């Protein structure tokens, strides 16, 4: 599936490492996950790194809907957490072709 470059960079960070997050997110971006809001690239990088260490998960995008600045990606997430694997929706809001907001649910 063809995704905007910033969203592809977010999912590619799994194999490329956390530096790929700088390509994906705006400096003032927001991530909402597990009922917690993280603001700014440093907080997002910390969230991403901690989640990778804790859950040792992989993410496989399976569907994408939306267009323009509002895109939702459905993905199968497999890892060390209850209910694995789980299908989650990653709702992206883009600004200037980068991720301004991401909500995972």
N, C-alpha and C. Protein backbone atom coordinates (compact mmCIF):
# COMPACT_ATOMS: atom_id res chain seq x y z
N UNK A 1 0.83 -1.18 0.00
CA UNK A 1 0.00 0.00 0.00
C UNK A 1 0.88 1.24 0.00
N UNK A 2 0.42 2.26 -0.66
CA UNK A 2 1.18 3.51 -0.78
C UNK A 2 0.79 4.46 0.35
N UNK A 3 1.74 4.74 1.23
CA UNK A 3 1.50 5.64 2.36
C UNK A 3 2.29 6.92 2.15
N UNK A 4 1.82 8.02 2.76
CA UNK A 4 2.65 9.22 2.76
C UNK A 4 4.01 8.91 3.39
N UNK A 5 5.04 9.59 2.93
CA UNK A 5 6.41 9.31 3.37
C UNK A 5 6.58 9.35 4.89
N UNK A 6 5.94 10.29 5.55
CA UNK A 6 6.11 10.41 7.01
C UNK A 6 5.50 9.21 7.73
N UNK A 7 4.37 8.74 7.25
CA UNK A 7 3.74 7.57 7.88
C UNK A 7 4.57 6.33 7.61
N UNK A 8 5.08 6.19 6.40
CA UNK A 8 5.97 5.07 6.08
C UNK A 8 7.21 5.13 6.98
N UNK A 9 7.76 6.31 7.21
CA UNK A 9 8.94 6.45 8.08
C UNK A 9 8.62 6.02 9.51
N UNK A 10 7.41 6.33 9.99
CA UNK A 10 7.01 5.90 11.32
C UNK A 10 7.03 4.37 11.42
N UNK A 11 6.41 3.70 10.47
CA UNK A 11 6.38 2.24 10.52
C UNK A 11 7.77 1.63 10.23
N UNK A 12 8.58 2.31 9.43
CA UNK A 12 9.93 1.82 9.15
C UNK A 12 10.87 1.98 10.33
N UNK A 13 10.51 2.83 11.29
CA UNK A 13 11.37 3.03 12.47
C UNK A 13 11.61 1.72 13.21
N UNK A 14 10.68 0.79 13.08
CA UNK A 14 10.84 -0.52 13.71
C UNK A 14 12.15 -1.19 13.29
N UNK A 15 12.50 -1.06 12.03
CA UNK A 15 13.75 -1.69 11.54
C UNK A 15 14.90 -0.69 11.42
N UNK A 16 14.58 0.60 11.31
CA UNK A 16 15.62 1.61 11.13
C UNK A 16 16.07 2.24 12.44
N UNK A 17 15.27 2.12 13.49
CA UNK A 17 15.61 2.69 14.79
C UNK A 17 14.95 4.03 15.01
N UNK A 18 15.09 4.57 16.22
CA UNK A 18 14.36 5.77 16.61
C UNK A 18 14.74 7.03 15.84
N UNK A 19 15.89 7.06 15.17
CA UNK A 19 16.25 8.24 14.40
C UNK A 19 15.27 8.49 13.26
N UNK A 20 14.60 7.44 12.79
CA UNK A 20 13.60 7.59 11.73
C UNK A 20 12.41 8.42 12.20
N UNK A 21 12.21 8.52 13.50
CA UNK A 21 11.09 9.31 14.02
C UNK A 21 11.23 10.79 13.68
N UNK A 22 12.47 11.27 13.56
CA UNK A 22 12.70 12.67 13.21
C UNK A 22 12.24 12.97 11.79
N UNK A 23 12.28 11.97 10.94
CA UNK A 23 11.79 12.12 9.57
C UNK A 23 10.27 12.15 9.57
N UNK A 24 9.66 11.40 10.49
CA UNK A 24 8.22 11.21 10.49
C UNK A 24 7.45 12.34 11.16
N UNK A 25 7.93 12.84 12.31
CA UNK A 25 7.16 13.74 13.16
C UNK A 25 7.63 15.18 13.09
N UNK A 26 6.69 16.10 13.24
CA UNK A 26 7.02 17.50 13.47
C UNK A 26 7.61 17.64 14.87
N UNK A 27 8.38 18.68 15.11
CA UNK A 27 8.99 18.89 16.43
C UNK A 27 7.95 19.03 17.54
N UNK A 28 6.77 19.58 17.22
CA UNK A 28 5.74 19.80 18.23
C UNK A 28 4.60 18.78 18.14
N UNK A 29 4.87 17.63 17.55
CA UNK A 29 3.84 16.61 17.36
C UNK A 29 3.33 16.05 18.69
N UNK A 30 2.17 15.40 18.61
CA UNK A 30 1.52 14.80 19.77
C UNK A 30 1.22 13.34 19.45
N UNK A 31 1.48 12.45 20.43
CA UNK A 31 1.09 11.05 20.32
C UNK A 31 0.19 10.72 21.50
N UNK A 32 -0.96 10.09 21.21
CA UNK A 32 -1.88 9.62 22.24
C UNK A 32 -1.92 8.11 22.16
N UNK A 33 -1.52 7.46 23.23
CA UNK A 33 -1.47 6.00 23.28
C UNK A 33 -1.62 5.56 24.73
N UNK A 34 -2.38 4.50 24.94
CA UNK A 34 -2.60 3.95 26.28
C UNK A 34 -3.03 5.03 27.27
N UNK A 35 -3.97 5.86 26.85
CA UNK A 35 -4.55 6.94 27.67
C UNK A 35 -3.54 7.98 28.13
N UNK A 36 -2.43 8.09 27.42
CA UNK A 36 -1.40 9.06 27.77
C UNK A 36 -1.07 9.91 26.55
N UNK A 37 -0.84 11.18 26.80
CA UNK A 37 -0.50 12.13 25.73
C UNK A 37 0.97 12.51 25.87
N UNK A 38 1.69 12.41 24.77
CA UNK A 38 3.10 12.80 24.74
C UNK A 38 3.25 13.92 23.73
N UNK A 39 3.93 14.98 24.14
CA UNK A 39 4.08 16.15 23.28
C UNK A 39 5.55 16.42 23.01
N UNK A 40 5.87 16.65 21.76
CA UNK A 40 7.22 16.98 21.35
C UNK A 40 8.02 15.76 20.95
N UNK A 41 8.97 15.98 20.09
CA UNK A 41 9.76 14.89 19.52
C UNK A 41 10.54 14.11 20.58
N UNK A 42 11.09 14.77 21.58
CA UNK A 42 11.85 14.07 22.63
C UNK A 42 10.94 13.11 23.41
N UNK A 43 9.74 13.56 23.76
CA UNK A 43 8.80 12.71 24.49
C UNK A 43 8.32 11.56 23.62
N UNK A 44 8.12 11.82 22.34
CA UNK A 44 7.69 10.76 21.42
C UNK A 44 8.79 9.72 21.27
N UNK A 45 10.01 10.17 21.15
CA UNK A 45 11.13 9.23 21.03
C UNK A 45 11.24 8.35 22.29
N UNK A 46 11.08 8.95 23.46
CA UNK A 46 11.13 8.20 24.72
C UNK A 46 9.99 7.18 24.79
N UNK A 47 8.77 7.60 24.42
CA UNK A 47 7.61 6.68 24.37
C UNK A 47 7.89 5.52 23.45
N UNK A 48 8.38 5.80 22.25
CA UNK A 48 8.64 4.76 21.25
C UNK A 48 9.68 3.77 21.76
N UNK A 49 10.78 4.27 22.30
CA UNK A 49 11.87 3.42 22.78
C UNK A 49 11.40 2.55 23.95
N UNK A 50 10.68 3.15 24.88
CA UNK A 50 10.17 2.40 26.04
C UNK A 50 9.19 1.32 25.60
N UNK A 51 8.29 1.65 24.68
CA UNK A 51 7.33 0.66 24.18
C UNK A 51 8.04 -0.50 23.48
N UNK A 52 9.04 -0.20 22.69
CA UNK A 52 9.79 -1.26 21.98
C UNK A 52 10.46 -2.19 22.99
N UNK A 53 11.06 -1.63 24.04
CA UNK A 53 11.73 -2.45 25.05
C UNK A 53 10.73 -3.26 25.87
N UNK A 54 9.61 -2.65 26.22
CA UNK A 54 8.62 -3.29 27.08
C UNK A 54 7.87 -4.40 26.36
N UNK A 55 7.36 -4.10 25.17
CA UNK A 55 6.46 -5.03 24.48
C UNK A 55 7.15 -5.88 23.42
N UNK A 56 8.35 -5.49 23.01
CA UNK A 56 9.09 -6.22 21.97
C UNK A 56 8.17 -6.59 20.81
N UNK A 57 7.46 -5.58 20.32
CA UNK A 57 6.40 -5.80 19.35
C UNK A 57 6.85 -5.54 17.91
N UNK A 58 6.07 -6.11 17.01
CA UNK A 58 6.19 -5.82 15.60
C UNK A 58 4.83 -5.32 15.12
N UNK A 59 4.85 -4.49 14.10
CA UNK A 59 3.63 -3.90 13.56
C UNK A 59 3.57 -4.17 12.07
N UNK A 60 2.44 -4.73 11.62
CA UNK A 60 2.25 -5.02 10.21
C UNK A 60 1.01 -4.27 9.71
N UNK A 61 1.21 -3.15 8.99
CA UNK A 61 0.06 -2.44 8.43
C UNK A 61 -0.68 -3.33 7.43
N UNK A 62 -2.03 -3.31 7.53
CA UNK A 62 -2.82 -4.16 6.63
C UNK A 62 -3.84 -3.38 5.81
N UNK A 63 -4.15 -2.15 6.21
CA UNK A 63 -5.13 -1.37 5.46
C UNK A 63 -4.94 0.11 5.78
N UNK A 64 -5.29 0.95 4.81
CA UNK A 64 -5.19 2.38 5.00
C UNK A 64 -6.44 3.04 4.43
N UNK A 65 -6.98 3.99 5.18
CA UNK A 65 -8.13 4.76 4.71
C UNK A 65 -7.86 6.23 4.93
N UNK A 66 -8.66 7.06 4.28
CA UNK A 66 -8.50 8.49 4.42
C UNK A 66 -7.66 9.06 3.29
N UNK A 67 -7.51 10.36 3.33
CA UNK A 67 -6.71 11.04 2.32
C UNK A 67 -6.33 12.42 2.86
N UNK A 68 -5.46 13.07 2.13
CA UNK A 68 -5.03 14.41 2.56
C UNK A 68 -4.30 14.36 3.88
N UNK A 69 -4.78 15.15 4.83
CA UNK A 69 -4.09 15.27 6.12
C UNK A 69 -4.65 14.35 7.20
N UNK A 70 -5.64 13.53 6.87
CA UNK A 70 -6.24 12.60 7.85
C UNK A 70 -6.19 11.19 7.29
N UNK A 71 -5.33 10.37 7.87
CA UNK A 71 -5.11 9.01 7.39
C UNK A 71 -5.19 8.05 8.57
N UNK A 72 -5.87 6.94 8.38
CA UNK A 72 -5.94 5.88 9.39
C UNK A 72 -5.33 4.62 8.81
N UNK A 73 -4.46 3.99 9.58
CA UNK A 73 -3.83 2.74 9.17
C UNK A 73 -4.21 1.67 10.18
N UNK A 74 -4.77 0.60 9.68
CA UNK A 74 -5.10 -0.56 10.50
C UNK A 74 -3.88 -1.48 10.45
N UNK A 75 -3.44 -1.96 11.61
CA UNK A 75 -2.23 -2.78 11.67
C UNK A 75 -2.39 -3.89 12.70
N UNK A 76 -1.74 -5.02 12.41
CA UNK A 76 -1.68 -6.12 13.37
C UNK A 76 -0.40 -5.95 14.18
N UNK A 77 -0.57 -5.90 15.50
CA UNK A 77 0.56 -5.71 16.41
C UNK A 77 0.75 -6.99 17.20
N UNK A 78 1.95 -7.53 17.12
CA UNK A 78 2.28 -8.78 17.81
C UNK A 78 3.45 -8.50 18.75
N UNK A 79 3.33 -8.98 19.99
CA UNK A 79 4.42 -8.75 20.93
C UNK A 79 4.15 -9.38 22.28
N UNK A 80 4.87 -8.91 23.28
CA UNK A 80 4.74 -9.44 24.63
C UNK A 80 3.76 -8.60 25.43
N UNK A 81 2.48 -8.81 25.15
CA UNK A 81 1.41 -8.12 25.88
C UNK A 81 0.17 -8.98 25.84
N UNK A 82 -0.70 -8.86 26.84
CA UNK A 82 -1.94 -9.65 26.85
C UNK A 82 -2.78 -9.35 25.61
N UNK A 83 -3.33 -10.41 25.01
CA UNK A 83 -4.18 -10.24 23.84
C UNK A 83 -3.42 -10.20 22.52
N UNK A 84 -2.12 -10.42 22.57
CA UNK A 84 -1.32 -10.42 21.34
C UNK A 84 -1.68 -11.65 20.50
N UNK A 85 -1.82 -11.49 19.20
CA UNK A 85 -1.75 -10.25 18.44
C UNK A 85 -3.05 -9.45 18.55
N UNK A 86 -2.92 -8.15 18.31
CA UNK A 86 -4.08 -7.26 18.36
C UNK A 86 -4.11 -6.42 17.08
N UNK A 87 -5.30 -6.09 16.64
CA UNK A 87 -5.45 -5.20 15.50
C UNK A 87 -5.77 -3.81 16.04
N UNK A 88 -4.91 -2.85 15.71
CA UNK A 88 -5.04 -1.49 16.20
C UNK A 88 -5.18 -0.51 15.04
N UNK A 89 -5.79 0.62 15.32
CA UNK A 89 -5.90 1.68 14.33
C UNK A 89 -4.96 2.82 14.73
N UNK A 90 -4.15 3.22 13.79
CA UNK A 90 -3.23 4.33 13.95
C UNK A 90 -3.82 5.50 13.17
N UNK A 91 -4.34 6.51 13.88
CA UNK A 91 -4.98 7.66 13.25
C UNK A 91 -3.99 8.82 13.21
N UNK A 92 -3.61 9.19 12.00
CA UNK A 92 -2.61 10.22 11.78
C UNK A 92 -3.25 11.51 11.31
N UNK A 93 -2.76 12.63 11.82
CA UNK A 93 -3.07 13.95 11.29
C UNK A 93 -1.75 14.52 10.80
N UNK A 94 -1.71 14.89 9.55
CA UNK A 94 -0.48 15.42 8.95
C UNK A 94 -0.55 16.94 8.82
N UNK A 95 0.61 17.55 8.89
CA UNK A 95 0.76 18.98 8.63
C UNK A 95 2.11 19.17 7.97
N UNK A 96 2.13 19.85 6.87
CA UNK A 96 3.39 20.06 6.13
C UNK A 96 4.07 18.72 5.81
N UNK A 97 3.26 17.73 5.49
CA UNK A 97 3.70 16.38 5.08
C UNK A 97 4.36 15.57 6.20
N UNK A 98 4.30 16.05 7.42
CA UNK A 98 4.83 15.29 8.56
C UNK A 98 3.69 15.01 9.53
N UNK A 99 3.93 14.09 10.47
CA UNK A 99 2.90 13.73 11.45
C UNK A 99 2.83 14.83 12.51
N UNK A 100 1.64 15.42 12.63
CA UNK A 100 1.37 16.43 13.66
C UNK A 100 0.74 15.75 14.87
N UNK A 101 -0.07 14.70 14.62
CA UNK A 101 -0.72 13.98 15.70
C UNK A 101 -0.92 12.53 15.31
N UNK A 102 -0.74 11.66 16.29
CA UNK A 102 -0.99 10.23 16.12
C UNK A 102 -1.76 9.75 17.32
N UNK A 103 -2.87 9.09 17.06
CA UNK A 103 -3.65 8.45 18.13
C UNK A 103 -3.76 6.97 17.81
N UNK A 104 -3.38 6.14 18.79
CA UNK A 104 -3.39 4.69 18.61
C UNK A 104 -4.50 4.11 19.45
N UNK A 105 -5.33 3.30 18.84
CA UNK A 105 -6.43 2.71 19.58
C UNK A 105 -7.04 1.52 18.88
